[in-house]
């Protein structure tokens, strides 16, 4: 699955080629590590970008993304 994205009018939002809208997330640096903060079930979860890359690589192996 290959999605294209375009930024919407200089905002933090992007429009994906499948019609969905997403928001760009700003990374956070802590102790020379880069993290992305997600809010899941009303709780903030900080995920290391290296772990995200591994998750996406696994997703590509399984030929898709879980929503």
N, C-alpha and C. Protein backbone atom coordinates (compact mmCIF):
# COMPACT_ATOMS: atom_id res chain seq x y z
N UNK A 1 0.85 -1.17 0.00
CA UNK A 1 0.00 0.00 0.00
C UNK A 1 0.90 1.23 0.00
N UNK A 2 0.68 2.10 -0.96
CA UNK A 2 1.47 3.31 -1.06
C UNK A 2 0.55 4.52 -1.04
N UNK A 3 0.67 5.34 -0.01
CA UNK A 3 -0.16 6.52 0.12
C UNK A 3 0.65 7.76 -0.24
N UNK A 4 -0.01 8.70 -0.86
CA UNK A 4 0.56 10.02 -1.13
C UNK A 4 -0.06 10.99 -0.14
N UNK A 5 0.62 12.07 0.18
CA UNK A 5 0.09 13.05 1.13
C UNK A 5 0.42 14.46 0.66
N UNK A 6 -0.51 15.37 0.92
CA UNK A 6 -0.29 16.79 0.62
C UNK A 6 -0.67 17.60 1.84
N UNK A 7 0.16 18.60 2.16
CA UNK A 7 -0.14 19.47 3.30
C UNK A 7 -1.30 20.38 2.94
N UNK A 8 -2.16 20.63 3.92
CA UNK A 8 -3.34 21.46 3.71
C UNK A 8 -3.07 22.89 4.17
N UNK A 9 -2.93 23.81 3.23
CA UNK A 9 -2.83 25.26 3.49
C UNK A 9 -1.94 25.66 4.66
N UNK A 10 -0.70 25.22 4.68
CA UNK A 10 0.25 25.60 5.74
C UNK A 10 -0.25 25.29 7.16
N UNK A 11 -1.00 24.22 7.32
CA UNK A 11 -1.46 23.79 8.63
C UNK A 11 -0.68 22.55 9.03
N UNK A 12 -1.02 21.98 10.19
CA UNK A 12 -0.40 20.72 10.63
C UNK A 12 -1.14 19.51 10.05
N UNK A 13 -2.08 19.74 9.14
CA UNK A 13 -2.87 18.65 8.61
C UNK A 13 -2.42 18.27 7.21
N UNK A 14 -2.50 16.97 6.93
CA UNK A 14 -2.22 16.47 5.59
C UNK A 14 -3.42 15.67 5.11
N UNK A 15 -3.61 15.68 3.81
CA UNK A 15 -4.68 14.90 3.19
C UNK A 15 -4.02 13.73 2.48
N UNK A 16 -4.43 12.52 2.85
CA UNK A 16 -3.87 11.31 2.25
C UNK A 16 -4.60 10.98 0.96
N UNK A 17 -3.93 10.26 0.07
CA UNK A 17 -4.51 9.95 -1.24
C UNK A 17 -5.76 9.09 -1.15
N UNK A 18 -5.99 8.44 0.00
CA UNK A 18 -7.21 7.64 0.15
C UNK A 18 -8.36 8.47 0.75
N UNK A 19 -8.14 9.80 0.92
CA UNK A 19 -9.20 10.68 1.40
C UNK A 19 -9.18 10.95 2.89
N UNK A 20 -8.36 10.23 3.64
CA UNK A 20 -8.29 10.47 5.08
C UNK A 20 -7.44 11.69 5.37
N UNK A 21 -7.64 12.28 6.54
CA UNK A 21 -6.88 13.44 6.98
C UNK A 21 -6.08 13.04 8.21
N UNK A 22 -4.84 13.50 8.28
CA UNK A 22 -3.97 13.19 9.41
C UNK A 22 -3.31 14.48 9.87
N UNK A 23 -2.79 14.46 11.10
CA UNK A 23 -2.10 15.62 11.64
C UNK A 23 -0.63 15.30 11.80
N UNK A 24 0.23 16.23 11.42
CA UNK A 24 1.66 16.04 11.60
C UNK A 24 1.99 16.17 13.08
N UNK A 25 2.84 15.30 13.57
CA UNK A 25 3.23 15.31 14.98
C UNK A 25 4.66 15.83 15.10
N UNK A 26 4.89 16.67 16.08
CA UNK A 26 6.21 17.23 16.30
C UNK A 26 7.01 16.30 17.21
N UNK A 27 8.22 15.93 16.80
CA UNK A 27 9.03 15.05 17.64
C UNK A 27 9.58 15.79 18.86
N UNK A 28 9.88 15.02 19.91
CA UNK A 28 10.44 15.54 21.15
C UNK A 28 11.79 14.87 21.37
N UNK A 29 12.81 15.65 21.70
CA UNK A 29 14.14 15.09 22.01
C UNK A 29 14.31 15.02 23.52
N UNK A 30 14.66 13.81 24.01
CA UNK A 30 14.93 13.60 25.42
C UNK A 30 16.17 12.71 25.51
N UNK A 31 17.22 13.20 26.15
CA UNK A 31 18.46 12.45 26.33
C UNK A 31 18.98 11.87 25.01
N UNK A 32 19.06 12.71 24.00
CA UNK A 32 19.58 12.33 22.68
C UNK A 32 18.73 11.28 21.96
N UNK A 33 17.52 11.05 22.43
CA UNK A 33 16.58 10.14 21.77
C UNK A 33 15.41 10.96 21.26
N UNK A 34 14.82 10.54 20.16
CA UNK A 34 13.68 11.26 19.58
C UNK A 34 12.42 10.45 19.80
N UNK A 35 11.38 11.13 20.29
CA UNK A 35 10.10 10.49 20.60
C UNK A 35 8.95 11.23 19.93
N UNK A 36 7.87 10.51 19.71
CA UNK A 36 6.60 11.09 19.26
C UNK A 36 5.60 10.82 20.37
N UNK A 37 4.83 11.85 20.74
CA UNK A 37 3.82 11.71 21.79
C UNK A 37 2.45 11.46 21.17
N UNK A 38 1.81 10.38 21.57
CA UNK A 38 0.47 10.02 21.13
C UNK A 38 -0.47 10.13 22.32
N UNK A 39 -1.72 10.44 22.06
CA UNK A 39 -2.74 10.36 23.11
C UNK A 39 -3.66 9.21 22.73
N UNK A 40 -3.63 8.17 23.57
CA UNK A 40 -4.41 6.95 23.34
C UNK A 40 -5.22 6.69 24.59
N UNK A 41 -6.53 6.54 24.44
CA UNK A 41 -7.43 6.33 25.57
C UNK A 41 -7.25 7.40 26.65
N UNK A 42 -7.14 8.65 26.22
CA UNK A 42 -7.01 9.81 27.10
C UNK A 42 -5.72 9.82 27.92
N UNK A 43 -4.73 9.03 27.51
CA UNK A 43 -3.44 9.00 28.18
C UNK A 43 -2.34 9.23 27.16
N UNK A 44 -1.34 10.04 27.54
CA UNK A 44 -0.23 10.27 26.64
C UNK A 44 0.71 9.08 26.65
N UNK A 45 1.11 8.69 25.46
CA UNK A 45 2.08 7.61 25.32
C UNK A 45 3.23 8.14 24.47
N UNK A 46 4.44 8.05 24.98
CA UNK A 46 5.64 8.51 24.28
C UNK A 46 6.30 7.30 23.63
N UNK A 47 6.51 7.37 22.32
CA UNK A 47 7.09 6.25 21.58
C UNK A 47 8.37 6.71 20.90
N UNK A 48 9.42 5.94 21.07
CA UNK A 48 10.71 6.23 20.45
C UNK A 48 10.56 6.07 18.93
N UNK A 49 11.13 7.00 18.17
CA UNK A 49 10.99 6.94 16.71
C UNK A 49 11.65 5.69 16.13
N UNK A 50 12.69 5.18 16.78
CA UNK A 50 13.31 3.95 16.29
C UNK A 50 12.33 2.78 16.41
N UNK A 51 11.55 2.76 17.51
CA UNK A 51 10.53 1.72 17.68
C UNK A 51 9.43 1.87 16.63
N UNK A 52 9.08 3.12 16.30
CA UNK A 52 8.07 3.35 15.26
C UNK A 52 8.55 2.81 13.92
N UNK A 53 9.82 3.05 13.60
CA UNK A 53 10.36 2.54 12.33
C UNK A 53 10.30 1.02 12.28
N UNK A 54 10.59 0.37 13.41
CA UNK A 54 10.51 -1.09 13.46
C UNK A 54 9.07 -1.57 13.26
N UNK A 55 8.10 -0.85 13.90
CA UNK A 55 6.70 -1.22 13.74
C UNK A 55 6.25 -1.08 12.29
N UNK A 56 6.68 0.01 11.63
CA UNK A 56 6.30 0.21 10.24
C UNK A 56 6.95 -0.84 9.34
N UNK A 57 8.18 -1.23 9.63
CA UNK A 57 8.85 -2.27 8.85
C UNK A 57 8.10 -3.59 8.99
N UNK A 58 7.67 -3.91 10.21
CA UNK A 58 6.89 -5.13 10.42
C UNK A 58 5.56 -5.06 9.67
N UNK A 59 4.93 -3.89 9.69
CA UNK A 59 3.67 -3.70 9.00
C UNK A 59 3.84 -3.92 7.50
N UNK A 60 4.96 -3.41 6.95
CA UNK A 60 5.22 -3.59 5.52
C UNK A 60 5.42 -5.07 5.19
N UNK A 61 6.06 -5.81 6.09
CA UNK A 61 6.24 -7.25 5.88
C UNK A 61 4.89 -7.96 5.83
N UNK A 62 3.96 -7.48 6.66
CA UNK A 62 2.63 -8.09 6.71
C UNK A 62 1.69 -7.51 5.65
N UNK A 63 2.25 -6.63 4.79
CA UNK A 63 1.52 -6.08 3.65
C UNK A 63 0.31 -5.26 4.04
N UNK A 64 0.49 -4.36 4.99
CA UNK A 64 -0.61 -3.49 5.33
C UNK A 64 -0.45 -2.81 6.67
N UNK A 65 -1.35 -1.87 6.91
CA UNK A 65 -1.35 -1.11 8.14
C UNK A 65 -2.63 -1.40 8.88
N UNK A 66 -2.52 -1.60 10.18
CA UNK A 66 -3.74 -1.81 10.99
C UNK A 66 -4.27 -0.48 11.43
N UNK A 67 -5.58 -0.34 11.35
CA UNK A 67 -6.24 0.91 11.76
C UNK A 67 -7.01 0.65 13.03
